[in-house]
Protein backbone atom coordinates (compact mmCIF):
# COMPACT_ATOMS: atom_id res chain seq x y z
CA MET A 1 0.00 0.00 0.00
CA THR A 2 1.28 3.44 -0.89
CA ALA A 3 1.65 5.80 2.02
CA HIS A 4 0.29 9.30 1.70
CA ALA A 5 1.68 11.93 4.05
CA HIS A 6 -0.11 14.75 5.72
CA ALA A 7 0.84 17.34 8.26
CA ALA A 8 2.78 15.95 11.19
CA GLY A 9 1.35 16.41 14.66
CA GLY A 10 4.72 16.63 16.38
CA PRO A 11 8.43 17.09 15.72
CA ALA A 12 9.22 14.12 13.50
CA ALA A 13 12.90 15.00 13.21
CA GLN A 14 15.36 17.25 14.96
CA GLY A 15 15.04 20.84 13.80
CA VAL A 16 11.71 20.26 12.01
CA PRO A 17 8.88 22.45 13.33
CA ILE A 18 5.58 20.86 14.31
CA ASN A 19 2.60 20.82 11.99
CA VAL A 20 4.59 20.67 8.75
CA ASP A 21 3.86 18.54 5.72
CA LEU A 22 6.55 15.85 5.60
CA SER A 23 5.61 14.52 2.16
CA CYS A 24 7.59 15.07 -1.03
CA PRO A 25 6.17 18.09 -2.88
CA HIS A 26 6.67 16.28 -6.20
CA CYS A 27 5.11 12.84 -5.64
CA HIS A 28 3.23 13.73 -2.42
CA GLN A 29 4.42 10.53 -0.74
CA ILE A 30 6.36 10.07 2.48
CA ASP A 31 7.55 6.45 2.41
CA LEU A 32 10.86 7.17 0.57
CA VAL A 33 11.68 10.50 2.17
CA GLN A 34 14.96 10.74 4.09
CA SER A 35 16.95 13.57 5.62
CA VAL A 36 19.93 14.84 3.63
CA PRO A 37 22.44 14.17 6.43
CA ALA A 38 21.30 10.54 6.56
CA VAL A 39 21.59 10.13 2.79
CA TYR A 40 25.01 11.73 2.83
CA THR A 41 26.25 9.51 5.65
CA ASP A 42 24.93 6.38 3.93
CA GLY A 43 26.87 7.34 0.81
CA ILE A 44 30.28 7.40 2.51
CA SER A 45 32.15 4.24 3.37
CA SER A 46 35.69 3.24 4.17
CA SER A 47 37.70 0.19 3.21
CA PHE A 48 40.97 -1.18 4.49
CA GLY A 49 43.34 -3.48 2.68
CA THR A 50 46.91 -4.32 1.90
CA GLY A 51 48.84 -3.92 -1.29
CA THR A 52 52.16 -5.22 -2.52
CA TYR A 53 54.95 -3.23 -4.03
CA SER A 54 58.24 -4.17 -5.65
CA GLY A 55 61.46 -2.36 -6.28
CA VAL A 56 65.22 -2.57 -6.19
CA GLY A 57 67.33 -2.24 -3.07
CA VAL A 58 71.05 -1.84 -2.49
CA ALA A 59 72.85 -4.49 -0.45
CA SER A 60 76.47 -5.40 0.16
CA THR A 61 76.21 -7.84 -2.69
CA GLY A 62 74.81 -5.26 -5.06
CA LEU A 63 71.29 -4.57 -6.32
CA VAL A 64 68.63 -6.92 -5.02
CA PRO A 65 64.88 -7.11 -5.71
CA VAL A 66 62.64 -5.91 -2.88
CA ILE A 67 59.02 -6.93 -2.34
CA GLY A 68 56.88 -5.59 0.48
CA THR A 69 53.35 -4.87 1.59
CA ALA A 70 51.59 -1.62 2.52
CA SER A 71 48.36 -0.86 4.33
CA ILE A 72 45.82 1.04 2.22
CA ASP A 73 42.87 3.05 3.60
CA ARG A 74 40.29 4.21 1.09
CA THR A 75 37.21 6.40 1.46
CA HIS A 76 34.42 5.81 -1.05
CA VAL A 77 31.81 8.49 -1.76
CA THR A 78 28.81 7.85 -3.98
CA MET A 79 27.86 10.32 -6.69
CA LEU A 80 24.64 11.12 -4.78
CA ALA A 81 26.51 11.92 -1.58
CA ARG A 82 29.03 14.02 -3.48
CA SER A 83 26.24 15.98 -5.16
CA MET A 84 24.86 16.89 -1.72
CA ALA A 85 28.14 17.72 0.03
CA PRO A 86 27.63 20.33 2.77
CA GLU A 87 30.77 22.24 1.81
CA PRO A 88 33.71 22.17 -0.61
CA ALA A 89 36.66 20.06 0.47
CA LEU A 90 39.44 21.94 2.22
CA GLU A 91 42.59 22.04 0.11
CA PRO A 92 45.97 21.75 1.86
CA ALA A 93 48.04 24.91 1.62
CA THR A 94 50.87 24.51 4.15
CA ARG A 95 52.87 21.98 2.17
CA LEU A 96 52.40 23.97 -1.01
CA THR A 97 53.69 27.08 0.77
CA ILE A 98 56.80 25.24 1.86
CA VAL A 99 57.39 24.02 -1.71
CA GLY A 100 56.96 27.55 -3.01
CA LEU A 101 59.53 28.92 -0.56
CA LEU A 102 61.99 26.19 -1.50
CA LEU A 103 61.54 27.04 -5.17
CA LEU A 104 62.53 30.64 -4.41
CA ILE A 105 65.93 29.64 -3.07
CA PRO A 106 67.69 29.78 -6.47
CA ALA A 107 66.37 33.28 -7.09
CA PHE A 108 67.48 34.45 -3.63
CA SER A 109 70.89 32.84 -4.13
CA MET A 110 71.37 35.10 -7.15
CA ALA A 111 69.74 38.25 -5.77
CA ILE A 112 71.56 38.36 -2.43
CA PRO A 113 75.10 38.44 -3.86
CA MET A 114 74.01 41.12 -6.32
CA ALA A 115 72.53 43.15 -3.48
CA VAL A 116 75.70 42.78 -1.43
CA LEU A 117 77.87 43.90 -4.35
CA THR A 118 75.56 46.86 -4.94
CA ALA A 119 75.83 47.86 -1.26
CA MET A 120 79.62 47.69 -1.56
CA ARG A 121 79.34 50.07 -4.54
CA ASP A 122 80.83 47.60 -6.99
CA PRO A 123 81.13 49.47 -10.31
CA LEU A 124 79.92 46.39 -12.18
CA MET A 125 76.53 46.48 -10.43
CA SER A 126 74.87 49.14 -12.55
CA LEU A 127 71.19 49.61 -13.29
CA ALA A 128 71.65 47.76 -16.57
CA THR A 129 73.17 44.81 -14.70
CA TRP A 130 70.16 44.63 -12.40
CA VAL A 131 67.72 44.84 -15.32
CA VAL A 132 69.47 42.04 -17.16
CA GLY A 133 69.72 39.96 -13.99
CA LEU A 134 66.05 40.39 -13.16
CA LEU A 135 64.79 39.71 -16.67
CA PHE A 136 66.96 36.76 -17.60
CA PHE A 137 68.08 35.16 -14.33
CA ILE A 138 66.31 36.14 -11.11
CA GLY A 139 62.84 36.53 -12.65
CA PRO A 140 62.72 33.16 -14.44
CA ALA A 141 64.23 31.43 -11.41
CA ALA A 142 61.64 32.98 -9.09
CA ALA A 143 58.61 32.39 -11.34
CA PRO A 144 57.84 28.79 -10.25
CA GLY A 145 58.01 29.73 -6.58
CA VAL A 146 55.88 32.83 -7.03
CA VAL A 147 53.23 30.88 -8.91
CA THR A 148 53.24 28.11 -6.29
CA LEU A 149 52.90 30.63 -3.43
CA GLY A 150 50.04 32.30 -5.31
CA VAL A 151 48.18 29.00 -5.55
CA ALA A 152 48.83 28.30 -1.87
CA ARG A 153 47.54 31.74 -0.91
CA GLY A 154 44.38 31.17 -2.96
CA ARG A 155 43.81 27.85 -1.21
CA ALA A 156 44.32 29.40 2.21
CA ARG A 157 41.80 32.16 1.46
CA SER A 158 39.29 29.61 0.15
CA ASN A 159 39.74 27.46 3.28
CA LYS A 160 39.14 30.48 5.53
CA ARG A 161 36.00 31.31 3.58
CA ILE A 162 34.72 27.74 4.00
CA VAL A 163 35.42 27.70 7.73
CA ARG A 164 33.79 31.12 8.16
CA GLY A 165 30.56 30.12 6.40
CA ARG A 166 30.39 26.52 7.61
CA ALA A 167 27.85 27.11 10.38
CA LYS A 168 25.35 28.98 8.16
CA ALA A 169 25.64 26.44 5.35
CA HIS A 170 25.32 23.46 7.66
CA ALA A 171 22.14 24.82 9.24
CA VAL A 172 20.54 24.96 5.79
CA TRP A 173 22.05 21.67 4.63
CA GLN A 174 20.89 19.59 7.57
CA ALA A 175 17.30 20.80 7.12
CA GLY A 176 17.15 19.37 3.61
CA VAL A 177 15.14 16.25 2.74
CA TYR A 178 15.70 13.83 -0.14
CA CYS A 179 13.03 11.81 -1.90
CA HIS A 180 14.44 8.53 -3.20
CA ARG A 181 11.46 8.04 -5.51
CA CYS A 182 11.84 11.37 -7.33
CA GLY A 183 15.57 11.95 -6.85
CA LEU A 184 14.82 15.47 -5.65
CA VAL A 185 15.71 17.49 -2.57
CA PHE A 186 13.48 19.96 -0.78
CA TRP A 187 12.97 21.74 2.51
CA HIS A 188 9.91 21.15 4.69
CA PHE A 189 10.31 24.73 5.91
CA SER A 190 12.55 27.64 4.99
CA PRO A 191 15.67 27.45 7.19
CA ALA A 192 17.12 30.75 5.90
CA ALA A 193 16.34 33.73 3.73
CA ASP A 194 16.05 33.00 0.00
CA ILE A 195 15.52 29.28 0.72
CA PRO A 196 12.05 28.27 -0.53
CA SER A 197 10.05 25.68 1.36
CA ARG A 198 8.48 22.67 -0.34
CA GLN A 199 10.08 23.37 -3.70
CA PRO A 200 11.95 20.39 -5.20
CA PHE A 201 15.49 20.76 -6.49
CA ARG A 202 17.99 18.45 -8.11
CA PRO A 203 20.79 17.50 -5.69
CA GLU A 204 23.28 19.70 -7.53
CA GLN A 205 20.90 22.68 -7.29
CA PHE A 206 20.39 21.99 -3.60
CA ARG A 207 24.14 21.97 -3.05
CA SER A 208 24.51 25.28 -4.91
CA LEU A 209 21.90 26.92 -2.68
CA VAL A 210 23.58 25.60 0.45
CA TRP A 211 27.01 26.76 -0.68
CA LYS A 212 25.59 30.16 -1.62
CA VAL A 213 24.33 30.59 1.93
CA GLY A 214 27.80 29.70 3.23
CA GLY A 215 29.47 32.16 0.88
CA PHE A 216 31.58 29.46 -0.77
CA VAL A 217 33.07 30.16 -4.17
CA LYS A 218 32.75 26.66 -5.59
CA THR A 219 29.31 25.57 -6.78
């Protein structure tokens, strides 16, 4: 028998006000309706295993083949869960910053001696010498590091934006409801401004609305 939903007489789920219609606004059924956090959690799983690797090692007798095993942890995310992610993934920036600074070492190794010679009023260190050094030596040597640091800075700013808007976005995200029959997401009630209640959205559209509330760049 198909279940038809009507207004609930009490709080059926955490954060859901009383006397709201819990049915899907598209099919008007309630039997395959599930909260977005539950759907998202069900779509994430972890697996553990071991893998083998081979290579060549150095011993007192020379090169010898090496075979070993390694533990492998994997996290699997379904396409549905990914389409309803509460926020963009944080991108690591610290390691990239370190790499960028290391890439600047060659440029500094050329610029510092030139600066020292200039301070000592070496007649060879003229303006033309600096222009040539910057254009053909220091600039090209510094370019990879500058670009890498720029990417790291962009990641750091994006991560700060995600952390700053996480609370607002999560409040809207956790109020969402998914209908497995229709493949649509909706809100029983409006959890924030500009969030319509009982209007169905595709999961990707739902995610865009959530991320817009959080002020995230990625959509």
